Amino acid sequence: MKKAIMGRKVGMTQIFDANGKVVPVTVVEAGPCVVLQKKTLERDGYEAIQVGFADIKEKLVNGPKKGHFNKAGVSFKRFVREFKLDNTSEYQVGQEIKVDVFAEGEKVDVSGISKGKGFQGTIKRWNGHRGPMSHGSKFHRAVGSMGGSSDPARTFKNKKMPGHMGNEKTTVLNLEVVKIMPEKNVILIKGGIPGPNKGMVIIRNSVKA
């Protein structure tokens, strides 16, 4: 069954399992998320639920969004996303989705916006090799050959060149849920997940498990 929840990355720490082994985990403050709207096949052409997460001040919400939140009878939310789930009909507007929808030992996929690295060269961005570091070479961290000069006399598309790195949607697959803390709305996930601390992430059940 498909499941999903939004959360905020808190940071990384480590815990000990039953055998005394150290397990590196990422702490995620997941939910509670609230259902804002139900998309139906008859009205919208597909079935999904629209979910909000993280309260926000009223002065930061524009008029149309205020009306949308007021119609659902919920407080103003910072993040709004849609989830296509198998049991969409079971959800009701105003219903909360909490972290206990997942269980310890379950496999999940985590999506988020990766850390932005700014403008980077080919060595950092694409793991390219550098040239000789001797003084006479004058070729240390340059791009290298761009393509033929006479034929085809152009640079091909998708050539790995310097440019903007990071700050894009990234998904890490098949991570393990180590621990659930429903009283604190916290989920501990083994390993690292995308994005900086305080960044918004989406946790779904794994497509490969």
Protein backbone atom coordinates (compact mmCIF):
# COMPACT_ATOMS: atom_id res chain seq x y z
CA MET A 1 0.00 0.00 0.00
CA LYS A 2 1.32 3.43 -0.95
CA LYS A 3 2.09 5.77 1.94
CA ALA A 4 3.67 9.22 2.12
CA ILE A 5 4.35 11.99 4.60
CA MET A 6 6.15 15.33 4.60
CA GLY A 7 8.75 16.25 7.18
CA ARG A 8 11.62 18.53 8.08
CA LYS A 9 15.20 17.27 8.29
CA VAL A 10 16.61 17.94 11.77
CA GLY A 11 20.11 16.50 11.41
CA MET A 12 22.17 13.34 11.87
CA THR A 13 23.12 11.39 14.96
CA GLN A 14 23.81 7.79 15.93
CA ILE A 15 22.04 5.20 18.04
CA PHE A 16 22.85 1.70 19.26
CA ASP A 17 20.83 -1.30 18.10
CA ALA A 18 19.94 -4.37 20.17
CA ASN A 19 23.38 -5.89 19.48
CA GLY A 20 25.25 -2.78 20.59
CA LYS A 21 26.18 -1.81 17.04
CA VAL A 22 26.34 1.88 16.17
CA VAL A 23 23.80 2.89 13.51
CA PRO A 24 24.07 6.33 11.81
CA VAL A 25 20.60 7.86 11.45
CA THR A 26 18.97 11.02 10.14
CA VAL A 27 16.36 12.59 12.40
CA VAL A 28 13.24 13.79 10.57
CA GLU A 29 10.38 15.69 12.17
CA ALA A 30 7.62 14.12 10.07
CA GLY A 31 4.12 15.55 10.29
CA PRO A 32 1.57 15.84 11.48
CA CYS A 33 0.34 16.60 7.97
CA VAL A 34 -3.28 17.55 7.35
CA VAL A 35 -5.47 16.72 4.34
CA LEU A 36 -6.52 19.93 2.57
CA GLN A 37 -8.39 18.56 -0.43
CA LYS A 38 -9.38 15.30 -2.12
CA LYS A 39 -8.95 14.98 -5.88
CA THR A 40 -11.56 12.70 -7.43
CA LEU A 41 -11.74 10.91 -10.76
CA GLU A 42 -15.10 12.47 -11.64
CA ARG A 43 -14.13 16.09 -10.93
CA ASP A 44 -10.35 16.21 -11.52
CA GLY A 45 -9.63 13.21 -13.72
CA TYR A 46 -7.40 11.48 -11.17
CA GLU A 47 -7.43 10.47 -7.52
CA ALA A 48 -5.08 12.06 -4.98
CA ILE A 49 -5.03 13.93 -1.70
CA GLN A 50 -3.60 17.40 -1.17
CA VAL A 51 -1.63 17.63 2.06
CA GLY A 52 -0.24 20.59 4.05
CA PHE A 53 2.65 20.66 6.50
CA ALA A 54 4.26 23.18 8.89
CA ASP A 55 2.25 26.13 10.23
CA ILE A 56 2.93 29.60 8.85
CA LYS A 57 1.96 33.14 9.88
CA GLU A 58 -1.18 34.58 8.33
CA LYS A 59 0.64 37.63 6.94
CA LEU A 60 2.74 35.32 4.73
CA VAL A 61 -0.31 33.78 3.02
CA ASN A 62 -2.05 35.44 0.07
CA GLY A 63 -5.81 35.74 -0.39
CA PRO A 64 -6.51 32.68 -2.58
CA LYS A 65 -4.49 30.41 -0.30
CA LYS A 66 -6.29 31.78 2.77
CA GLY A 67 -9.60 30.85 1.20
CA HIS A 68 -8.30 27.37 0.38
CA PHE A 69 -7.13 26.75 3.96
CA ASN A 70 -10.30 28.23 5.48
CA LYS A 71 -12.47 26.01 3.29
CA ALA A 72 -10.63 22.97 4.62
CA GLY A 73 -10.95 24.32 8.18
CA VAL A 74 -7.23 24.03 8.95
CA SER A 75 -4.46 26.42 9.96
CA PHE A 76 -2.24 28.03 7.33
CA LYS A 77 0.52 25.72 6.06
CA ARG A 78 3.91 26.46 4.56
CA PHE A 79 4.20 23.38 2.33
CA VAL A 80 1.43 21.92 0.16
CA ARG A 81 1.88 18.75 -1.89
CA GLU A 82 -0.24 16.09 -3.58
CA PHE A 83 0.09 12.35 -3.00
CA LYS A 84 -1.41 9.67 -5.22
CA LEU A 85 -2.24 6.86 -2.82
CA ASP A 86 -4.09 3.57 -3.23
CA ASN A 87 -6.61 4.29 -0.48
CA THR A 88 -7.40 7.92 -1.28
CA SER A 89 -11.10 7.40 -0.60
CA GLU A 90 -10.37 6.53 3.03
CA TYR A 91 -8.98 10.00 3.80
CA GLN A 92 -11.16 12.92 4.83
CA VAL A 93 -10.49 16.69 4.60
CA GLY A 94 -8.98 17.86 7.88
CA GLN A 95 -7.64 14.40 8.76
CA GLU A 96 -4.09 14.26 10.13
CA ILE A 97 -1.39 11.98 8.76
CA LYS A 98 1.11 11.14 11.47
CA VAL A 99 4.48 9.44 11.55
CA ASP A 100 3.01 6.14 12.75
CA VAL A 101 1.85 5.36 9.20
CA PHE A 102 5.34 3.86 8.86
CA ALA A 103 6.78 1.03 10.95
CA GLU A 104 10.26 0.20 12.20
CA GLY A 105 12.23 -1.90 9.73
CA GLU A 106 10.22 -0.64 6.75
CA LYS A 107 12.02 0.51 3.58
CA VAL A 108 11.37 4.06 2.37
CA ASP A 109 12.42 6.49 -0.38
CA VAL A 110 13.27 10.04 0.71
CA SER A 111 13.07 13.02 -1.68
CA GLY A 112 14.34 16.53 -1.08
CA ILE A 113 16.19 19.49 -2.60
CA SER A 114 19.94 18.84 -2.50
CA LYS A 115 22.37 21.37 -1.07
CA GLY A 116 23.33 24.09 -3.54
CA LYS A 117 27.05 24.23 -4.39
CA GLY A 118 26.96 27.26 -6.69
CA PHE A 119 29.04 27.41 -9.88
CA GLN A 120 31.56 24.56 -9.95
CA GLY A 121 34.20 23.28 -12.32
CA THR A 122 34.32 19.87 -13.96
CA ILE A 123 36.50 18.28 -11.27
CA LYS A 124 34.06 18.94 -8.42
CA ARG A 125 30.88 18.74 -10.50
CA TRP A 126 31.66 15.65 -12.60
CA ASN A 127 34.60 14.07 -10.74
CA GLY A 128 36.97 14.83 -13.62
CA HIS A 129 40.75 14.37 -13.59
CA ARG A 130 43.17 17.26 -13.25
CA GLY A 131 46.16 17.90 -15.44
CA PRO A 132 49.86 17.88 -14.42
CA MET A 133 50.63 20.22 -11.53
CA SER A 134 54.09 21.16 -12.82
CA HIS A 135 54.70 24.87 -13.45
CA GLY A 136 55.18 24.58 -17.19
CA SER A 137 52.03 22.67 -18.03
CA LYS A 138 49.57 25.56 -17.52
CA PHE A 139 46.83 22.93 -17.45
CA HIS A 140 45.70 22.05 -13.94
CA ARG A 141 41.91 22.07 -13.45
CA ALA A 142 40.72 23.11 -16.93
CA VAL A 143 37.89 21.43 -18.82
CA GLY A 144 40.01 19.87 -21.55
CA SER A 145 39.03 19.21 -25.15
CA MET A 146 35.67 20.66 -26.21
CA GLY A 147 35.33 18.71 -29.47
CA GLY A 148 36.62 18.71 -33.04
CA SER A 149 37.75 22.06 -34.44
CA SER A 150 36.85 21.40 -38.08
CA ASP A 151 34.36 18.53 -38.02
CA PRO A 152 31.75 18.79 -36.54
CA ALA A 153 33.11 22.19 -35.39
CA ARG A 154 30.77 22.38 -32.42
CA THR A 155 30.33 21.12 -28.89
CA PHE A 156 27.87 18.27 -28.48
CA LYS A 157 24.88 18.51 -26.18
CA ASN A 158 25.16 17.08 -22.66
CA LYS A 159 28.93 17.51 -22.52
CA LYS A 160 30.06 17.57 -18.91
CA MET A 161 31.14 21.17 -18.38
CA PRO A 162 31.34 23.68 -15.51
CA GLY A 163 28.01 25.02 -14.26
CA HIS A 164 25.51 25.21 -11.46
CA MET A 165 25.77 22.26 -9.07
CA GLY A 166 23.20 21.01 -6.57
CA ASN A 167 19.91 22.65 -5.54
CA GLU A 168 17.83 20.11 -7.45
CA LYS A 169 15.33 17.43 -6.53
CA THR A 170 17.10 14.30 -5.34
CA THR A 171 15.74 10.96 -4.14
CA VAL A 172 17.60 8.37 -2.09
CA LEU A 173 16.07 4.91 -2.47
CA ASN A 174 15.61 1.96 -0.15
CA LEU A 175 16.50 3.47 3.22
CA GLU A 176 15.53 1.70 6.43
CA VAL A 177 13.29 3.11 9.14
CA VAL A 178 15.21 2.49 12.35
CA LYS A 179 12.86 3.97 14.93
CA ILE A 180 9.49 5.73 15.20
CA MET A 181 8.68 8.23 17.96
CA PRO A 182 4.95 9.07 17.58
CA GLU A 183 4.86 11.23 20.73
CA LYS A 184 7.52 13.54 19.22
CA ASN A 185 6.49 13.18 15.54
CA VAL A 186 10.01 11.95 14.82
CA ILE A 187 11.27 9.22 12.52
CA LEU A 188 14.86 7.94 12.47
CA ILE A 189 16.09 6.82 9.05
CA LYS A 190 19.33 4.90 8.55
CA GLY A 191 21.95 6.82 6.57
CA GLY A 192 21.88 10.24 4.95
CA ILE A 193 19.03 11.94 3.10
CA PRO A 194 19.02 14.87 0.64
CA GLY A 195 19.03 18.50 1.62
CA PRO A 196 20.28 20.74 4.43
CA ASN A 197 19.07 20.74 8.02
CA LYS A 198 15.57 22.28 8.32
CA GLY A 199 14.92 21.37 4.68
CA MET A 200 11.59 19.84 3.69
CA VAL A 201 11.64 16.18 2.64
CA ILE A 202 9.00 13.70 1.46
CA ILE A 203 9.09 10.14 2.77
CA ARG A 204 7.39 7.42 0.70
CA ASN A 205 7.36 3.66 0.95
CA SER A 206 10.09 2.18 -1.22
CA VAL A 207 9.38 1.27 -4.84
CA LYS A 208 12.14 -1.37 -4.83
CA ALA A 209 11.58 -3.09 -1.49
